[in-house]
Amino acid sequence: MKADIDFTEAAFKYIAELDKPTPTIRLGLKPAGCTGFEYEIKWDEIITESDYTEDFGNFKVAIDELSYPKIQGSTVDIIDDGINKNVKIINPQEVASCGCGASVNF
């Protein structure tokens, strides 16, 4: 099943240039934080039949079937914060987030 996710040009370039431990990035949600959910972004070697996936050439994305309805239509971006780069998921389905931005609700 195809993942409905996009990457900004900056995020695509940044991820494409990384020395990847695996070719797949897993995006998901986990219950946490003061608002309800936190995004989970990690390298993963395992893709299951129930995952939504998309191949971006230099890397793949996998989203588990429980997280997908809340993540579909999102855009992954890279935010420059001084010398640090942070991954940011821009999700039009979010209705609230905590003050620090670590947790979100739908």
PDB file of N, CA and C in Angstrom:
ATOM      1  N   MET A   1       0.845  -1.175   0.000  1.00  0.00           N
ATOM      2  CA  MET A   1       0.000   0.000   0.000  1.00  0.00           C
ATOM      3  C   MET A   1       0.886   1.231   0.000  1.00  0.00           C
ATOM      4  N   LYS A   2       0.536   2.190  -0.795  1.00  0.00           N
ATOM      5  CA  LYS A   2       1.364   3.379  -0.961  1.00  0.00           C
ATOM      6  C   LYS A   2       1.164   4.376   0.186  1.00  0.00           C
ATOM      7  N   ALA A   3       2.272   4.887   0.704  1.00  0.00           N
ATOM      8  CA  ALA A   3       2.237   5.894   1.767  1.00  0.00           C
ATOM      9  C   ALA A   3       2.025   7.271   1.147  1.00  0.00           C
ATOM     10  N   ASP A   4       1.080   7.999   1.651  1.00  0.00           N
ATOM     11  CA  ASP A   4       0.786   9.354   1.177  1.00  0.00           C
ATOM     12  C   ASP A   4       1.569  10.326   2.057  1.00  0.00           C
ATOM     13  N   ILE A   5       2.861  10.474   1.774  1.00  0.00           N
ATOM     14  CA  ILE A   5       3.758  11.318   2.559  1.00  0.00           C
ATOM     15  C   ILE A   5       4.665  12.051   1.591  1.00  0.00           C
ATOM     16  N   ASP A   6       5.119  13.234   1.975  1.00  0.00           N
ATOM     17  CA  ASP A   6       5.983  14.006   1.091  1.00  0.00           C
ATOM     18  C   ASP A   6       7.172  14.540   1.882  1.00  0.00           C
ATOM     19  N   PHE A   7       8.191  14.962   1.173  1.00  0.00           N
ATOM     20  CA  PHE A   7       9.391  15.537   1.769  1.00  0.00           C
ATOM     21  C   PHE A   7       9.674  16.869   1.102  1.00  0.00           C
ATOM     22  N   THR A   8      10.057  17.875   1.896  1.00  0.00           N
ATOM     23  CA  THR A   8      10.494  19.124   1.288  1.00  0.00           C
ATOM     24  C   THR A   8      11.806  18.846   0.567  1.00  0.00           C
ATOM     25  N   GLU A   9      12.197  19.752  -0.299  1.00  0.00           N
ATOM     26  CA  GLU A   9      13.466  19.580  -1.021  1.00  0.00           C
ATOM     27  C   GLU A   9      14.635  19.485  -0.040  1.00  0.00           C
ATOM     28  N   ALA A  10      14.609  20.317   1.013  1.00  0.00           N
ATOM     29  CA  ALA A  10      15.684  20.297   2.009  1.00  0.00           C
ATOM     30  C   ALA A  10      15.736  18.962   2.741  1.00  0.00           C
ATOM     31  N   ALA A  11      14.580  18.406   3.115  1.00  0.00           N
ATOM     32  CA  ALA A  11      14.535  17.126   3.820  1.00  0.00           C
ATOM     33  C   ALA A  11      14.984  15.993   2.906  1.00  0.00           C
ATOM     34  N   PHE A  12      14.512  16.003   1.685  1.00  0.00           N
ATOM     35  CA  PHE A  12      14.898  14.961   0.733  1.00  0.00           C
ATOM     36  C   PHE A  12      16.410  14.960   0.534  1.00  0.00           C
ATOM     37  N   LYS A  13      16.982  16.122   0.310  1.00  0.00           N
ATOM     38  CA  LYS A  13      18.428  16.226   0.094  1.00  0.00           C
ATOM     39  C   LYS A  13      19.203  15.779   1.332  1.00  0.00           C
ATOM     40  N   TYR A  14      18.777  16.227   2.506  1.00  0.00           N
ATOM     41  CA  TYR A  14      19.458  15.871   3.747  1.00  0.00           C
ATOM     42  C   TYR A  14      19.443  14.356   3.965  1.00  0.00           C
ATOM     43  N   ILE A  15      18.282  13.729   3.830  1.00  0.00           N
ATOM     44  CA  ILE A  15      18.155  12.290   4.068  1.00  0.00           C
ATOM     45  C   ILE A  15      18.885  11.487   2.990  1.00  0.00           C
ATOM     46  N   ALA A  16      18.806  11.938   1.752  1.00  0.00           N
ATOM     47  CA  ALA A  16      19.475  11.234   0.652  1.00  0.00           C
ATOM     48  C   ALA A  16      20.984  11.199   0.852  1.00  0.00           C
ATOM     49  N   GLU A  17      21.554  12.217   1.494  1.00  0.00           N
ATOM     50  CA  GLU A  17      22.995  12.309   1.682  1.00  0.00           C
ATOM     51  C   GLU A  17      23.498  11.616   2.947  1.00  0.00           C
ATOM     52  N   LEU A  18      22.597  11.166   3.824  1.00  0.00           N
ATOM     53  CA  LEU A  18      23.008  10.509   5.065  1.00  0.00           C
ATOM     54  C   LEU A  18      23.616   9.143   4.782  1.00  0.00           C
ATOM     55  N   ASP A  19      24.512   8.725   5.651  1.00  0.00           N
ATOM     56  CA  ASP A  19      25.021   7.356   5.623  1.00  0.00           C
ATOM     57  C   ASP A  19      23.986   6.522   6.379  1.00  0.00           C
ATOM     58  N   LYS A  20      23.137   5.823   5.644  1.00  0.00           N
ATOM     59  CA  LYS A  20      21.977   5.154   6.216  1.00  0.00           C
ATOM     60  C   LYS A  20      22.328   3.759   6.743  1.00  0.00           C
ATOM     61  N   PRO A  21      21.887   3.448   7.975  1.00  0.00           N
ATOM     62  CA  PRO A  21      22.090   2.086   8.478  1.00  0.00           C
ATOM     63  C   PRO A  21      21.193   1.075   7.765  1.00  0.00           C
ATOM     64  N   THR A  22      20.054   1.511   7.263  1.00  0.00           N
ATOM     65  CA  THR A  22      19.145   0.708   6.439  1.00  0.00           C
ATOM     66  C   THR A  22      18.543   1.662   5.416  1.00  0.00           C
ATOM     67  N   PRO A  23      17.945   1.170   4.356  1.00  0.00           N
ATOM     68  CA  PRO A  23      17.366   2.080   3.368  1.00  0.00           C
ATOM     69  C   PRO A  23      15.966   2.582   3.719  1.00  0.00           C
ATOM     70  N   THR A  24      15.425   2.177   4.892  1.00  0.00           N
ATOM     71  CA  THR A  24      14.034   2.499   5.206  1.00  0.00           C
ATOM     72  C   THR A  24      13.905   3.356   6.461  1.00  0.00           C
ATOM     73  N   ILE A  25      13.131   4.427   6.338  1.00  0.00           N
ATOM     74  CA  ILE A  25      12.767   5.269   7.475  1.00  0.00           C
ATOM     75  C   ILE A  25      11.359   4.869   7.892  1.00  0.00           C
ATOM     76  N   ARG A  26      11.169   4.581   9.174  1.00  0.00           N
ATOM     77  CA  ARG A  26       9.842   4.272   9.691  1.00  0.00           C
ATOM     78  C   ARG A  26       9.293   5.512  10.382  1.00  0.00           C
ATOM     79  N   LEU A  27       8.100   5.920   9.948  1.00  0.00           N
ATOM     80  CA  LEU A  27       7.372   7.008  10.587  1.00  0.00           C
ATOM     81  C   LEU A  27       6.198   6.401  11.333  1.00  0.00           C
ATOM     82  N   GLY A  28       5.932   6.899  12.520  1.00  0.00           N
ATOM     83  CA  GLY A  28       4.815   6.375  13.290  1.00  0.00           C
ATOM     84  C   GLY A  28       4.449   7.296  14.425  1.00  0.00           C
ATOM     85  N   LEU A  29       3.480   6.855  15.205  1.00  0.00           N
ATOM     86  CA  LEU A  29       3.029   7.579  16.381  1.00  0.00           C
ATOM     87  C   LEU A  29       3.087   6.650  17.577  1.00  0.00           C
ATOM     88  N   LYS A  30       3.361   7.217  18.750  1.00  0.00           N
ATOM     89  CA  LYS A  30       3.279   6.449  19.976  1.00  0.00           C
ATOM     90  C   LYS A  30       2.571   7.310  21.019  1.00  0.00           C
ATOM     91  N   PRO A  31       1.758   6.690  21.872  1.00  0.00           N
ATOM     92  CA  PRO A  31       1.100   7.464  22.925  1.00  0.00           C
ATOM     93  C   PRO A  31       2.158   8.030  23.863  1.00  0.00           C
ATOM     94  N   ALA A  32       2.143   9.342  24.045  1.00  0.00           N
ATOM     95  CA  ALA A  32       3.139   9.972  24.911  1.00  0.00           C
ATOM     96  C   ALA A  32       2.858  11.459  25.028  1.00  0.00           C
ATOM     97  N   GLY A  33       3.562  12.082  25.936  1.00  0.00           N
ATOM     98  CA  GLY A  33       3.497  13.520  26.087  1.00  0.00           C
ATOM     99  C   GLY A  33       2.216  13.994  26.731  1.00  0.00           C
ATOM    100  N   CYS A  34       2.120  15.288  26.891  1.00  0.00           N
ATOM    101  CA  CYS A  34       0.961  15.863  27.574  1.00  0.00           C
ATOM    102  C   CYS A  34      -0.235  16.053  26.653  1.00  0.00           C
ATOM    103  N   THR A  35      -0.046  15.957  25.340  1.00  0.00           N
ATOM    104  CA  THR A  35      -1.149  16.183  24.403  1.00  0.00           C
ATOM    105  C   THR A  35      -1.705  14.893  23.830  1.00  0.00           C
ATOM    106  N   GLY A  36      -0.953  13.814  23.841  1.00  0.00           N
ATOM    107  CA  GLY A  36      -1.508  12.552  23.375  1.00  0.00           C
ATOM    108  C   GLY A  36      -0.557  11.649  22.625  1.00  0.00           C
ATOM    109  N   PHE A  37       0.124  12.174  21.600  1.00  0.00           N
ATOM    110  CA  PHE A  37       0.990  11.340  20.765  1.00  0.00           C
ATOM    111  C   PHE A  37       2.301  12.052  20.471  1.00  0.00           C
ATOM    112  N   GLU A  38       3.335  11.252  20.269  1.00  0.00           N
ATOM    113  CA  GLU A  38       4.606  11.768  19.768  1.00  0.00           C
ATOM    114  C   GLU A  38       4.913  11.070  18.457  1.00  0.00           C
ATOM    115  N   TYR A  39       5.548  11.801  17.550  1.00  0.00           N
ATOM    116  CA  TYR A  39       6.002  11.190  16.306  1.00  0.00           C
ATOM    117  C   TYR A  39       7.223  10.331  16.589  1.00  0.00           C
ATOM    118  N   GLU A  40       7.299   9.224  15.894  1.00  0.00           N
ATOM    119  CA  GLU A  40       8.443   8.340  15.988  1.00  0.00           C
ATOM    120  C   GLU A  40       9.079   8.280  14.599  1.00  0.00           C
ATOM    121  N   ILE A  41      10.345   8.596  14.528  1.00  0.00           N
ATOM    122  CA  ILE A  41      11.077   8.575  13.264  1.00  0.00           C
ATOM    123  C   ILE A  41      12.360   7.791  13.514  1.00  0.00           C
ATOM    124  N   LYS A  42      12.508   6.664  12.812  1.00  0.00           N
ATOM    125  CA  LYS A  42      13.690   5.838  13.047  1.00  0.00           C
ATOM    126  C   LYS A  42      14.015   5.034  11.803  1.00  0.00           C
ATOM    127  N   TRP A  43      15.241   4.575  11.715  1.00  0.00           N
ATOM    128  CA  TRP A  43      15.646   3.662  10.653  1.00  0.00           C
ATOM    129  C   TRP A  43      15.121   2.285  11.008  1.00  0.00           C
ATOM    130  N   ASP A  44      14.650   1.540  10.020  1.00  0.00           N
ATOM    131  CA  ASP A  44      14.090   0.226  10.277  1.00  0.00           C
ATOM    132  C   ASP A  44      14.438  -0.723   9.139  1.00  0.00           C
ATOM    133  N   GLU A  45      14.721  -1.964   9.485  1.00  0.00           N
ATOM    134  CA  GLU A  45      15.058  -2.973   8.481  1.00  0.00           C
ATOM    135  C   GLU A  45      13.858  -3.813   8.066  1.00  0.00           C
ATOM    136  N   ILE A  46      12.790  -3.775   8.865  1.00  0.00           N
ATOM    137  CA  ILE A  46      11.657  -4.671   8.638  1.00  0.00           C
ATOM    138  C   ILE A  46      10.464  -3.908   8.085  1.00  0.00           C
ATOM    139  N   ILE A  47       9.945  -4.372   6.962  1.00  0.00           N
ATOM    140  CA  ILE A  47       8.708  -3.845   6.390  1.00  0.00           C
ATOM    141  C   ILE A  47       7.707  -4.997   6.388  1.00  0.00           C
ATOM    142  N   THR A  48       6.542  -4.767   6.986  1.00  0.00           N
ATOM    143  CA  THR A  48       5.527  -5.813   7.039  1.00  0.00           C
ATOM    144  C   THR A  48       4.515  -5.627   5.911  1.00  0.00           C
ATOM    145  N   GLU A  49       3.724  -6.646   5.658  1.00  0.00           N
ATOM    146  CA  GLU A  49       2.703  -6.576   4.606  1.00  0.00           C
ATOM    147  C   GLU A  49       1.649  -5.519   4.894  1.00  0.00           C
ATOM    148  N   SER A  50       1.425  -5.196   6.159  1.00  0.00           N
ATOM    149  CA  SER A  50       0.399  -4.214   6.508  1.00  0.00           C
ATOM    150  C   SER A  50       0.922  -2.777   6.505  1.00  0.00           C
ATOM    151  N   ASP A  51       2.237  -2.576   6.294  1.00  0.00           N
ATOM    152  CA  ASP A  51       2.811  -1.226   6.247  1.00  0.00           C
ATOM    153  C   ASP A  51       2.421  -0.504   4.965  1.00  0.00           C
ATOM    154  N   TYR A  52       2.270   0.790   5.080  1.00  0.00           N
ATOM    155  CA  TYR A  52       2.151   1.666   3.911  1.00  0.00           C
ATOM    156  C   TYR A  52       3.572   2.074   3.572  1.00  0.00           C
ATOM    157  N   THR A  53       3.977   1.933   2.322  1.00  0.00           N
ATOM    158  CA  THR A  53       5.367   2.202   1.949  1.00  0.00           C
ATOM    159  C   THR A  53       5.443   3.085   0.715  1.00  0.00           C
ATOM    160  N   GLU A  54       6.575   3.737   0.578  1.00  0.00           N
ATOM    161  CA  GLU A  54       6.854   4.513  -0.623  1.00  0.00           C
ATOM    162  C   GLU A  54       8.352   4.539  -0.834  1.00  0.00           C
ATOM    163  N   ASP A  55       8.764   4.380  -2.076  1.00  0.00           N
ATOM    164  CA  ASP A  55      10.176   4.379  -2.442  1.00  0.00           C
ATOM    165  C   ASP A  55      10.513   5.744  -3.033  1.00  0.00           C
ATOM    166  N   PHE A  56      11.455   6.446  -2.403  1.00  0.00           N
ATOM    167  CA  PHE A  56      11.870   7.763  -2.873  1.00  0.00           C
ATOM    168  C   PHE A  56      13.207   7.700  -3.614  1.00  0.00           C
ATOM    169  N   GLY A  57      13.616   6.508  -4.008  1.00  0.00           N
ATOM    170  CA  GLY A  57      14.869   6.350  -4.758  1.00  0.00           C
ATOM    171  C   GLY A  57      16.052   6.115  -3.848  1.00  0.00           C
ATOM    172  N   ASN A  58      16.469   7.131  -3.115  1.00  0.00           N
ATOM    173  CA  ASN A  58      17.613   6.999  -2.214  1.00  0.00           C
ATOM    174  C   ASN A  58      17.233   6.424  -0.855  1.00  0.00           C
ATOM    175  N   PHE A  59      15.952   6.366  -0.562  1.00  0.00           N
ATOM    176  CA  PHE A  59      15.466   5.795   0.690  1.00  0.00           C
ATOM    177  C   PHE A  59      13.992   5.435   0.527  1.00  0.00           C
ATOM    178  N   LYS A  60      13.504   4.607   1.457  1.00  0.00           N
ATOM    179  CA  LYS A  60      12.101   4.211   1.476  1.00  0.00           C
ATOM    180  C   LYS A  60      11.472   4.701   2.769  1.00  0.00           C
ATOM    181  N   VAL A  61      10.153   4.808   2.760  1.00  0.00           N
ATOM    182  CA  VAL A  61       9.400   5.175   3.955  1.00  0.00           C
ATOM    183  C   VAL A  61       8.399   4.070   4.240  1.00  0.00           C
ATOM    184  N   ALA A  62       8.273   3.705   5.513  1.00  0.00           N
ATOM    185  CA  ALA A  62       7.272   2.738   5.952  1.00  0.00           C
ATOM    186  C   ALA A  62       6.479   3.362   7.103  1.00  0.00           C
ATOM    187  N   ILE A  63       5.155   3.191   7.047  1.00  0.00           N
ATOM    188  CA  ILE A  63       4.268   3.691   8.101  1.00  0.00           C
ATOM    189  C   ILE A  63       3.356   2.533   8.506  1.00  0.00           C
ATOM    190  N   ASP A  64       3.273   2.249   9.803  1.00  0.00           N
ATOM    191  CA  ASP A  64       2.425   1.146  10.255  1.00  0.00           C
ATOM    192  C   ASP A  64       0.953   1.503  10.054  1.00  0.00           C
ATOM    193  N   GLU A  65       0.119   0.481   9.965  1.00  0.00           N
ATOM    194  CA  GLU A  65      -1.291   0.678   9.624  1.00  0.00           C
ATOM    195  C   GLU A  65      -2.073   1.450  10.679  1.00  0.00           C
ATOM    196  N   LEU A  66      -1.651   1.435  11.947  1.00  0.00           N
ATOM    197  CA  LEU A  66      -2.358   2.191  12.982  1.00  0.00           C
ATOM    198  C   LEU A  66      -2.008   3.680  12.937  1.00  0.00           C
ATOM    199  N   SER A  67      -0.769   4.002  12.603  1.00  0.00           N
ATOM    200  CA  SER A  67      -0.338   5.403  12.527  1.00  0.00           C
ATOM    201  C   SER A  67      -0.769   6.075  11.226  1.00  0.00           C
ATOM    202  N   TYR A  68      -0.891   5.289  10.163  1.00  0.00           N
ATOM    203  CA  TYR A  68      -1.121   5.854   8.833  1.00  0.00           C
ATOM    204  C   TYR A  68      -2.310   6.824   8.745  1.00  0.00           C
ATOM    205  N   PRO A  69      -3.482   6.498   9.287  1.00  0.00           N
ATOM    206  CA  PRO A  69      -4.600   7.448   9.132  1.00  0.00           C
ATOM    207  C   PRO A  69      -4.316   8.839   9.711  1.00  0.00           C
ATOM    208  N   LYS A  70      -3.444   8.910  10.729  1.00  0.00           N
ATOM    209  CA  LYS A  70      -3.133  10.199  11.352  1.00  0.00           C
ATOM    210  C   LYS A  70      -1.917  10.884  10.735  1.00  0.00           C
ATOM    211  N   ILE A  71      -1.117  10.138   9.954  1.00  0.00           N
ATOM    212  CA  ILE A  71       0.092  10.706   9.349  1.00  0.00           C
ATOM    213  C   ILE A  71      -0.084  10.999   7.859  1.00  0.00           C
ATOM    214  N   GLN A  72      -0.992  10.315   7.186  1.00  0.00           N
ATOM    215  CA  GLN A  72      -1.137  10.500   5.734  1.00  0.00           C
ATOM    216  C   GLN A  72      -1.341  11.976   5.405  1.00  0.00           C
ATOM    217  N   GLY A  73      -0.742  12.380   4.310  1.00  0.00           N
ATOM    218  CA  GLY A  73      -0.842  13.763   3.866  1.00  0.00           C
ATOM    219  C   GLY A  73       0.161  14.703   4.511  1.00  0.00           C
ATOM    220  N   SER A  74       1.038  14.177   5.356  1.00  0.00           N
ATOM    221  CA  SER A  74       2.033  15.006   6.038  1.00  0.00           C
ATOM    222  C   SER A  74       3.238  15.262   5.147  1.00  0.00           C
ATOM    223  N   THR A  75       4.014  16.264   5.538  1.00  0.00           N
ATOM    224  CA  THR A  75       5.258  16.599   4.856  1.00  0.00           C
ATOM    225  C   THR A  75       6.385  16.584   5.877  1.00  0.00           C
ATOM    226  N   VAL A  76       7.480  15.935   5.529  1.00  0.00           N
ATOM    227  CA  VAL A  76       8.661  15.897   6.386  1.00  0.00           C
ATOM    228  C   VAL A  76       9.581  17.033   5.957  1.00  0.00           C
ATOM    229  N   ASP A  77      10.044  17.792   6.943  1.00  0.00           N
ATOM    230  CA  ASP A  77      10.929  18.924   6.670  1.00  0.00           C
ATOM    231  C   ASP A  77      12.134  18.844   7.598  1.00  0.00           C
ATOM    232  N   ILE A  78      13.176  19.557   7.253  1.00  0.00           N
ATOM    233  CA  ILE A  78      14.365  19.685   8.091  1.00  0.00           C
ATOM    234  C   ILE A  78      14.437  21.143   8.524  1.00  0.00           C
ATOM    235  N   ILE A  79      14.537  21.351   9.835  1.00  0.00           N
ATOM    236  CA  ILE A  79      14.615  22.694  10.390  1.00  0.00           C
ATOM    237  C   ILE A  79      16.045  22.929  10.859  1.00  0.00           C
ATOM    238  N   ASP A  80      16.670  23.978  10.344  1.00  0.00           N
ATOM    239  CA  ASP A  80      18.007  24.360  10.803  1.00  0.00           C
ATOM    240  C   ASP A  80      17.868  25.163  12.088  1.00  0.00           C
ATOM    241  N   ASP A  81      18.538  24.700  13.140  1.00  0.00           N
ATOM    242  CA  ASP A  81      18.519  25.373  14.434  1.00  0.00           C
ATOM    243  C   ASP A  81      19.966  25.595  14.850  1.00  0.00           C
ATOM    244  N   GLY A  82      20.560  26.657  14.331  1.00  0.00           N
ATOM    245  CA  GLY A  82      21.978  26.895  14.573  1.00  0.00           C
ATOM    246  C   GLY A  82      22.801  25.850  13.854  1.00  0.00           C
ATOM    247  N   ILE A  83      23.596  25.094  14.606  1.00  0.00           N
ATOM    248  CA  ILE A  83      24.410  24.049  13.990  1.00  0.00           C
ATOM    249  C   ILE A  83      23.676  22.705  13.943  1.00  0.00           C
ATOM    250  N   ASN A  84      22.487  22.649  14.517  1.00  0.00           N
ATOM    251  CA  ASN A  84      21.708  21.408  14.542  1.00  0.00           C
ATOM    252  C   ASN A  84      20.645  21.400  13.446  1.00  0.00           C
ATOM    253  N   LYS A  85      20.312  20.205  12.990  1.00  0.00           N
ATOM    254  CA  LYS A  85      19.212  20.017  12.052  1.00  0.00           C
ATOM    255  C   LYS A  85      18.193  19.109  12.731  1.00  0.00           C
ATOM    256  N   ASN A  86      16.934  19.498  12.715  1.00  0.00           N
ATOM    257  CA  ASN A  86      15.873  18.725  13.341  1.00  0.00           C
ATOM    258  C   ASN A  86      14.832  18.328  12.303  1.00  0.00           C
ATOM    259  N   VAL A  87      14.377  17.084  12.404  1.00  0.00           N
ATOM    260  CA  VAL A  87      13.315  16.607  11.523  1.00  0.00           C
ATOM    261  C   VAL A  87      11.989  17.093  12.081  1.00  0.00           C
ATOM    262  N   LYS A  88      11.164  17.637  11.221  1.00  0.00           N
ATOM    263  CA  LYS A  88       9.850  18.156  11.614  1.00  0.00           C
ATOM    264  C   LYS A  88       8.802  17.558  10.693  1.00  0.00           C
ATOM    265  N   ILE A  89       7.747  17.026  11.270  1.00  0.00           N
ATOM    266  CA  ILE A  89       6.627  16.537  10.477  1.00  0.00           C
ATOM    267  C   ILE A  89       5.541  17.599  10.495  1.00  0.00           C
ATOM    268  N   ILE A  90       5.205  18.084   9.320  1.00  0.00           N
ATOM    269  CA  ILE A  90       4.148  19.079   9.177  1.00  0.00           C
ATOM    270  C   ILE A  90       2.889  18.308   8.808  1.00  0.00           C
ATOM    271  N   ASN A  91       1.952  18.241   9.756  1.00  0.00           N
ATOM    272  CA  ASN A  91       0.783  17.396   9.601  1.00  0.00           C
ATOM    273  C   ASN A  91      -0.491  18.239   9.649  1.00  0.00           C
ATOM    274  N   PRO A  92      -1.227  18.330   8.541  1.00  0.00           N
ATOM    275  CA  PRO A  92      -2.443  19.140   8.517  1.00  0.00           C
ATOM    276  C   PRO A  92      -3.564  18.567   9.389  1.00  0.00           C
ATOM    277  N   GLN A  93      -3.410  17.341   9.886  1.00  0.00           N
ATOM    278  CA  GLN A  93      -4.443  16.735  10.727  1.00  0.00           C
ATOM    279  C   GLN A  93      -4.305  17.079  12.210  1.00  0.00           C
ATOM    280  N   GLU A  94      -3.191  17.689  12.608  1.00  0.00           N
ATOM    281  CA  GLU A  94      -3.001  18.050  14.014  1.00  0.00           C
ATOM    282  C   GLU A  94      -4.021  19.118  14.410  1.00  0.00           C
ATOM    283  N   VAL A  95      -4.614  18.935  15.596  1.00  0.00           N
ATOM    284  CA  VAL A  95      -5.541  19.944  16.108  1.00  0.00           C
ATOM    285  C   VAL A  95      -4.980  20.639  17.344  1.00  0.00           C
ATOM    286  N   ALA A  96      -3.968  20.037  17.963  1.00  0.00           N
ATOM    287  CA  ALA A  96      -3.351  20.637  19.145  1.00  0.00           C
ATOM    288  C   ALA A  96      -1.955  20.076  19.314  1.00  0.00           C
ATOM    289  N   SER A  97      -1.087  20.881  19.940  1.00  0.00           N
ATOM    290  CA  SER A  97       0.238  20.404  20.311  1.00  0.00           C
ATOM    291  C   SER A  97       0.608  21.032  21.642  1.00  0.00           C
ATOM    292  N   CYS A  98       1.522  20.392  22.351  1.00  0.00           N
ATOM    293  CA  CYS A  98       1.947  20.932  23.635  1.00  0.00           C
ATOM    294  C   CYS A  98       2.840  22.154  23.402  1.00  0.00           C
ATOM    295  N   GLY A  99       3.124  22.869  24.445  1.00  0.00           N
ATOM    296  CA  GLY A  99       3.917  24.090  24.334  1.00  0.00           C
ATOM    297  C   GLY A  99       5.294  23.887  23.751  1.00  0.00           C
ATOM    298  N   CYS A 100       5.921  22.765  24.054  1.00  0.00           N
ATOM    299  CA  CYS A 100       7.270  22.515  23.536  1.00  0.00           C
ATOM    300  C   CYS A 100       7.233  21.854  22.158  1.00  0.00           C
ATOM    301  N   GLY A 101       6.057  21.444  21.714  1.00  0.00           N
ATOM    302  CA  GLY A 101       5.925  20.856  20.380  1.00  0.00           C
ATOM    303  C   GLY A 101       6.296  19.390  20.284  1.00  0.00           C
ATOM    304  N   ALA A 102       6.553  18.740  21.442  1.00  0.00           N
ATOM    305  CA  ALA A 102       6.962  17.339  21.407  1.00  0.00           C
ATOM    306  C   ALA A 102       5.785  16.386  21.208  1.00  0.00           C
ATOM    307  N   SER A 103       4.589  16.777  21.656  1.00  0.00           N
ATOM    308  CA  SER A 103       3.439  15.878  21.493  1.00  0.00           C
ATOM    309  C   SER A 103       2.296  16.606  20.795  1.00  0.00           C
ATOM    310  N   VAL A 104       1.468  15.821  20.124  1.00  0.00           N
ATOM    311  CA  VAL A 104       0.378  16.381  19.306  1.00  0.00           C
ATOM    312  C   VAL A 104      -0.902  15.579  19.538  1.00  0.00           C
ATOM    313  N   ASN A 105      -2.011  16.157  19.098  1.00  0.00           N
ATOM    314  CA  ASN A 105      -3.289  15.461  19.141  1.00  0.00           C
ATOM    315  C   ASN A 105      -4.014  15.679  17.841  1.00  0.00           C
ATOM    316  N   PHE A 106      -4.943  14.773  17.534  1.00  0.00           N
ATOM    317  CA  PHE A 106      -5.652  14.788  16.251  1.00  0.00           C
ATOM    318  C   PHE A 106      -7.141  14.901  16.469  1.00  0.00           C
TER     319      PHE A 106
END
